[in-house]
Amino acid sequence: ECDVLQMRKNRAFLNDFVGMRVRYLGYVGWIETASEGIARLHTALDQELGIVHETGATP
């Protein structure tokens, strides 16, 4: 069970929490950027190769 009041009072915990949050958000941002690039590449390859996916199909 978490003791939220103690967690809020603990400077070391708060510092670690904020640091991990910053790293997590940076990681998620990198993944989103990479995913967008892969989606653009997929679209470009489909156009170049004349590939048409079924409606609703996940590429």
PDB file of N, CA and C in Angstrom:
ATOM      1  N   GLU A   1       0.841  -1.179   0.000  1.00  0.00           N
ATOM      2  CA  GLU A   1       0.000   0.000   0.000  1.00  0.00           C
ATOM      3  C   GLU A   1       0.888   1.245   0.000  1.00  0.00           C
ATOM      4  N   CYS A   2       0.546   2.225  -0.793  1.00  0.00           N
ATOM      5  CA  CYS A   2       1.328   3.458  -0.896  1.00  0.00           C
ATOM      6  C   CYS A   2       0.916   4.453   0.183  1.00  0.00           C
ATOM      7  N   ASP A   3       1.901   5.091   0.764  1.00  0.00           N
ATOM      8  CA  ASP A   3       1.652   6.172   1.722  1.00  0.00           C
ATOM      9  C   ASP A   3       1.925   7.480   0.987  1.00  0.00           C
ATOM     10  N   VAL A   4       0.891   8.023   0.379  1.00  0.00           N
ATOM     11  CA  VAL A   4       1.032   9.195  -0.481  1.00  0.00           C
ATOM     12  C   VAL A   4       1.585  10.387   0.286  1.00  0.00           C
ATOM     13  N   LEU A   5       1.163  10.572   1.516  1.00  0.00           N
ATOM     14  CA  LEU A   5       1.660  11.708   2.300  1.00  0.00           C
ATOM     15  C   LEU A   5       3.167  11.609   2.514  1.00  0.00           C
ATOM     16  N   GLN A   6       3.654  10.414   2.838  1.00  0.00           N
ATOM     17  CA  GLN A   6       5.095  10.229   3.020  1.00  0.00           C
ATOM     18  C   GLN A   6       5.843  10.404   1.700  1.00  0.00           C
ATOM     19  N   MET A   7       5.237   9.935   0.620  1.00  0.00           N
ATOM     20  CA  MET A   7       5.868  10.093  -0.692  1.00  0.00           C
ATOM     21  C   MET A   7       6.017  11.572  -1.032  1.00  0.00           C
ATOM     22  N   ARG A   8       5.010  12.362  -0.724  1.00  0.00           N
ATOM     23  CA  ARG A   8       5.048  13.801  -1.007  1.00  0.00           C
ATOM     24  C   ARG A   8       6.075  14.527  -0.145  1.00  0.00           C
ATOM     25  N   LYS A   9       6.359  14.010   1.028  1.00  0.00           N
ATOM     26  CA  LYS A   9       7.322  14.633   1.941  1.00  0.00           C
ATOM     27  C   LYS A   9       8.764  14.235   1.631  1.00  0.00           C
ATOM     28  N   ASN A  10       8.958  13.154   0.929  1.00  0.00           N
ATOM     29  CA  ASN A  10      10.287  12.591   0.704  1.00  0.00           C
ATOM     30  C   ASN A  10      10.942  13.230  -0.519  1.00  0.00           C
ATOM     31  N   ARG A  11      11.924  14.110  -0.281  1.00  0.00           N
ATOM     32  CA  ARG A  11      12.595  14.835  -1.370  1.00  0.00           C
ATOM     33  C   ARG A  11      13.303  13.895  -2.346  1.00  0.00           C
ATOM     34  N   ALA A  12      13.938  12.877  -1.841  1.00  0.00           N
ATOM     35  CA  ALA A  12      14.643  11.936  -2.721  1.00  0.00           C
ATOM     36  C   ALA A  12      13.650  11.242  -3.651  1.00  0.00           C
ATOM     37  N   PHE A  13      12.528  10.826  -3.098  1.00  0.00           N
ATOM     38  CA  PHE A  13      11.499  10.187  -3.925  1.00  0.00           C
ATOM     39  C   PHE A  13      10.995  11.156  -4.986  1.00  0.00           C
ATOM     40  N   LEU A  14      10.684  12.383  -4.590  1.00  0.00           N
ATOM     41  CA  LEU A  14      10.166  13.373  -5.537  1.00  0.00           C
ATOM     42  C   LEU A  14      11.175  13.669  -6.642  1.00  0.00           C
ATOM     43  N   ASN A  15      12.444  13.796  -6.283  1.00  0.00           N
ATOM     44  CA  ASN A  15      13.478  14.036  -7.295  1.00  0.00           C
ATOM     45  C   ASN A  15      13.556  12.879  -8.282  1.00  0.00           C
ATOM     46  N   ASP A  16      13.545  11.664  -7.772  1.00  0.00           N
ATOM     47  CA  ASP A  16      13.576  10.486  -8.648  1.00  0.00           C
ATOM     48  C   ASP A  16      12.327  10.418  -9.517  1.00  0.00           C
ATOM     49  N   PHE A  17      11.182  10.725  -8.917  1.00  0.00           N
ATOM     50  CA  PHE A  17       9.918  10.683  -9.652  1.00  0.00           C
ATOM     51  C   PHE A  17       9.939  11.666 -10.820  1.00  0.00           C
ATOM     52  N   VAL A  18      10.361  12.884 -10.562  1.00  0.00           N
ATOM     53  CA  VAL A  18      10.412  13.902 -11.620  1.00  0.00           C
ATOM     54  C   VAL A  18      11.426  13.502 -12.686  1.00  0.00           C
ATOM     55  N   GLY A  19      12.580  13.012 -12.268  1.00  0.00           N
ATOM     56  CA  GLY A  19      13.597  12.586 -13.232  1.00  0.00           C
ATOM     57  C   GLY A  19      13.105  11.466 -14.131  1.00  0.00           C
ATOM     58  N   MET A  20      12.441  10.493 -13.544  1.00  0.00           N
ATOM     59  CA  MET A  20      11.917   9.379 -14.343  1.00  0.00           C
ATOM     60  C   MET A  20      10.801   9.846 -15.272  1.00  0.00           C
ATOM     61  N   ARG A  21       9.991  10.791 -14.823  1.00  0.00           N
ATOM     62  CA  ARG A  21       8.915  11.320 -15.668  1.00  0.00           C
ATOM     63  C   ARG A  21       9.504  12.031 -16.883  1.00  0.00           C
ATOM     64  N   VAL A  22      10.536  12.821 -16.667  1.00  0.00           N
ATOM     65  CA  VAL A  22      11.188  13.531 -17.771  1.00  0.00           C
ATOM     66  C   VAL A  22      11.760  12.534 -18.770  1.00  0.00           C
ATOM     67  N   ARG A  23      12.439  11.503 -18.276  1.00  0.00           N
ATOM     68  CA  ARG A  23      13.004  10.489 -19.173  1.00  0.00           C
ATOM     69  C   ARG A  23      11.904   9.744 -19.927  1.00  0.00           C
ATOM     70  N   TYR A  24      10.824   9.416 -19.240  1.00  0.00           N
ATOM     71  CA  TYR A  24       9.711   8.711 -19.877  1.00  0.00           C
ATOM     72  C   TYR A  24       9.094   9.559 -20.989  1.00  0.00           C
ATOM     73  N   LEU A  25       8.848  10.827 -20.715  1.00  0.00           N
ATOM     74  CA  LEU A  25       8.250  11.697 -21.731  1.00  0.00           C
ATOM     75  C   LEU A  25       9.189  11.868 -22.926  1.00  0.00           C
ATOM     76  N   GLY A  26      10.482  11.939 -22.676  1.00  0.00           N
ATOM     77  CA  GLY A  26      11.444  12.004 -23.774  1.00  0.00           C
ATOM     78  C   GLY A  26      11.412  10.743 -24.615  1.00  0.00           C
ATOM     79  N   TYR A  27      11.328   9.603 -23.968  1.00  0.00           N
ATOM     80  CA  TYR A  27      11.254   8.318 -24.674  1.00  0.00           C
ATOM     81  C   TYR A  27       9.987   8.240 -25.518  1.00  0.00           C
ATOM     82  N   VAL A  28       8.856   8.608 -24.931  1.00  0.00           N
ATOM     83  CA  VAL A  28       7.586   8.569 -25.658  1.00  0.00           C
ATOM     84  C   VAL A  28       7.641   9.512 -26.855  1.00  0.00           C
ATOM     85  N   GLY A  29       8.211  10.687 -26.677  1.00  0.00           N
ATOM     86  CA  GLY A  29       8.345  11.629 -27.790  1.00  0.00           C
ATOM     87  C   GLY A  29       9.187  11.050 -28.910  1.00  0.00           C
ATOM     88  N   TRP A  30      10.271  10.352 -28.556  1.00  0.00           N
ATOM     89  CA  TRP A  30      11.129   9.738 -29.571  1.00  0.00           C
ATOM     90  C   TRP A  30      10.366   8.649 -30.319  1.00  0.00           C
ATOM     91  N   ILE A  31       9.623   7.837 -29.592  1.00  0.00           N
ATOM     92  CA  ILE A  31       8.839   6.760 -30.214  1.00  0.00           C
ATOM     93  C   ILE A  31       7.797   7.338 -31.160  1.00  0.00           C
ATOM     94  N   GLU A  32       7.109   8.403 -30.743  1.00  0.00           N
ATOM     95  CA  GLU A  32       6.103   9.025 -31.610  1.00  0.00           C
ATOM     96  C   GLU A  32       6.742   9.549 -32.891  1.00  0.00           C
ATOM     97  N   THR A  33       7.895  10.191 -32.773  1.00  0.00           N
ATOM     98  CA  THR A  33       8.593  10.714 -33.946  1.00  0.00           C
ATOM     99  C   THR A  33       9.004   9.583 -34.878  1.00  0.00           C
ATOM    100  N   ALA A  34       9.556   8.519 -34.320  1.00  0.00           N
ATOM    101  CA  ALA A  34       9.966   7.373 -35.136  1.00  0.00           C
ATOM    102  C   ALA A  34       8.761   6.727 -35.814  1.00  0.00           C
ATOM    103  N   SER A  35       7.663   6.586 -35.097  1.00  0.00           N
ATOM    104  CA  SER A  35       6.454   5.974 -35.663  1.00  0.00           C
ATOM    105  C   SER A  35       5.894   6.808 -36.811  1.00  0.00           C
ATOM    106  N   GLU A  36       5.919   8.118 -36.654  1.00  0.00           N
ATOM    107  CA  GLU A  36       5.442   8.998 -37.724  1.00  0.00           C
ATOM    108  C   GLU A  36       6.319   8.850 -38.965  1.00  0.00           C
ATOM    109  N   GLY A  37       7.624   8.762 -38.771  1.00  0.00           N
ATOM    110  CA  GLY A  37       8.540   8.576 -39.896  1.00  0.00           C
ATOM    111  C   GLY A  37       8.309   7.251 -40.606  1.00  0.00           C
ATOM    112  N   ILE A  38       8.082   6.209 -39.841  1.00  0.00           N
ATOM    113  CA  ILE A  38       7.816   4.892 -40.433  1.00  0.00           C
ATOM    114  C   ILE A  38       6.507   4.924 -41.215  1.00  0.00           C
ATOM    115  N   ALA A  39       5.495   5.604 -40.686  1.00  0.00           N
ATOM    116  CA  ALA A  39       4.211   5.707 -41.389  1.00  0.00           C
ATOM    117  C   ALA A  39       4.380   6.464 -42.706  1.00  0.00           C
ATOM    118  N   ARG A  40       5.176   7.544 -42.698  1.00  0.00           N
ATOM    119  CA  ARG A  40       5.426   8.292 -43.944  1.00  0.00           C
ATOM    120  C   ARG A  40       6.175   7.430 -44.951  1.00  0.00           C
ATOM    121  N   LEU A  41       7.155   6.672 -44.487  1.00  0.00           N
ATOM    122  CA  LEU A  41       7.901   5.778 -45.367  1.00  0.00           C
ATOM    123  C   LEU A  41       6.970   4.723 -45.960  1.00  0.00           C
ATOM    124  N   HIS A  42       6.106   4.162 -45.154  1.00  0.00           N
ATOM    125  CA  HIS A  42       5.156   3.155 -45.613  1.00  0.00           C
ATOM    126  C   HIS A  42       4.271   3.733 -46.718  1.00  0.00           C
ATOM    127  N   THR A  43       3.755   4.931 -46.495  1.00  0.00           N
ATOM    128  CA  THR A  43       2.903   5.583 -47.495  1.00  0.00           C
ATOM    129  C   THR A  43       3.670   5.822 -48.788  1.00  0.00           C
ATOM    130  N   ALA A  44       4.903   6.308 -48.674  1.00  0.00           N
ATOM    131  CA  ALA A  44       5.715   6.575 -49.865  1.00  0.00           C
ATOM    132  C   ALA A  44       6.012   5.284 -50.631  1.00  0.00           C
ATOM    133  N   LEU A  45       6.331   4.216 -49.918  1.00  0.00           N
ATOM    134  CA  LEU A  45       6.597   2.935 -50.573  1.00  0.00           C
ATOM    135  C   LEU A  45       5.343   2.398 -51.262  1.00  0.00           C
ATOM    136  N   ASP A  46       4.209   2.508 -50.590  1.00  0.00           N
ATOM    137  CA  ASP A  46       2.952   2.075 -51.204  1.00  0.00           C
ATOM    138  C   ASP A  46       2.693   2.831 -52.503  1.00  0.00           C
ATOM    139  N   GLN A  47       2.892   4.134 -52.475  1.00  0.00           N
ATOM    140  CA  GLN A  47       2.664   4.943 -53.674  1.00  0.00           C
ATOM    141  C   GLN A  47       3.634   4.551 -54.784  1.00  0.00           C
ATOM    142  N   GLU A  48       4.887   4.400 -54.439  1.00  0.00           N
ATOM    143  CA  GLU A  48       5.913   4.068 -55.440  1.00  0.00           C
ATOM    144  C   GLU A  48       5.681   2.687 -56.046  1.00  0.00           C
ATOM    145  N   LEU A  49       5.256   1.748 -55.228  1.00  0.00           N
ATOM    146  CA  LEU A  49       5.071   0.374 -55.689  1.00  0.00           C
ATOM    147  C   LEU A  49       3.642   0.083 -56.154  1.00  0.00           C
ATOM    148  N   GLY A  50       2.761   1.073 -56.028  1.00  0.00           N
ATOM    149  CA  GLY A  50       1.381   0.894 -56.462  1.00  0.00           C
ATOM    150  C   GLY A  50       0.581  -0.052 -55.587  1.00  0.00           C
ATOM    151  N   ILE A  51       0.913  -0.104 -54.321  1.00  0.00           N
ATOM    152  CA  ILE A  51       0.222  -0.995 -53.391  1.00  0.00           C
ATOM    153  C   ILE A  51      -0.992  -0.280 -52.813  1.00  0.00           C
ATOM    154  N   VAL A  52      -2.129  -0.960 -52.832  1.00  0.00           N
ATOM    155  CA  VAL A  52      -3.357  -0.429 -52.234  1.00  0.00           C
ATOM    156  C   VAL A  52      -3.827  -1.441 -51.194  1.00  0.00           C
ATOM    157  N   HIS A  53      -3.964  -0.988 -49.982  1.00  0.00           N
ATOM    158  CA  HIS A  53      -4.413  -1.860 -48.892  1.00  0.00           C
ATOM    159  C   HIS A  53      -5.932  -1.893 -48.849  1.00  0.00           C
ATOM    160  N   GLU A  54      -6.473  -2.985 -48.332  1.00  0.00           N
ATOM    161  CA  GLU A  54      -7.918  -3.094 -48.150  1.00  0.00           C
ATOM    162  C   GLU A  54      -8.372  -2.029 -47.156  1.00  0.00           C
ATOM    163  N   THR A  55      -9.575  -1.530 -47.342  1.00  0.00           N
ATOM    164  CA  THR A  55     -10.127  -0.539 -46.427  1.00  0.00           C
ATOM    165  C   THR A  55     -10.218  -1.138 -45.029  1.00  0.00           C
ATOM    166  N   GLY A  56      -9.702  -0.398 -44.062  1.00  0.00           N
ATOM    167  CA  GLY A  56      -9.740  -0.852 -42.678  1.00  0.00           C
ATOM    168  C   GLY A  56      -8.603  -1.781 -42.298  1.00  0.00           C
ATOM    169  N   ALA A  57      -7.781  -2.182 -43.273  1.00  0.00           N
ATOM    170  CA  ALA A  57      -6.653  -3.071 -42.972  1.00  0.00           C
ATOM    171  C   ALA A  57      -5.563  -2.275 -42.271  1.00  0.00           C
ATOM    172  N   THR A  58      -4.931  -2.887 -41.309  1.00  0.00           N
ATOM    173  CA  THR A  58      -3.822  -2.252 -40.614  1.00  0.00           C
ATOM    174  C   THR A  58      -2.535  -2.596 -41.348  1.00  0.00           C
ATOM    175  N   PRO A  59      -1.815  -1.569 -41.797  1.00  0.00           N
ATOM    176  CA  PRO A  59      -0.572  -1.848 -42.543  1.00  0.00           C
ATOM    177  C   PRO A  59       0.497  -2.472 -41.673  1.00  0.00           C
TER     178      PRO A  59
END
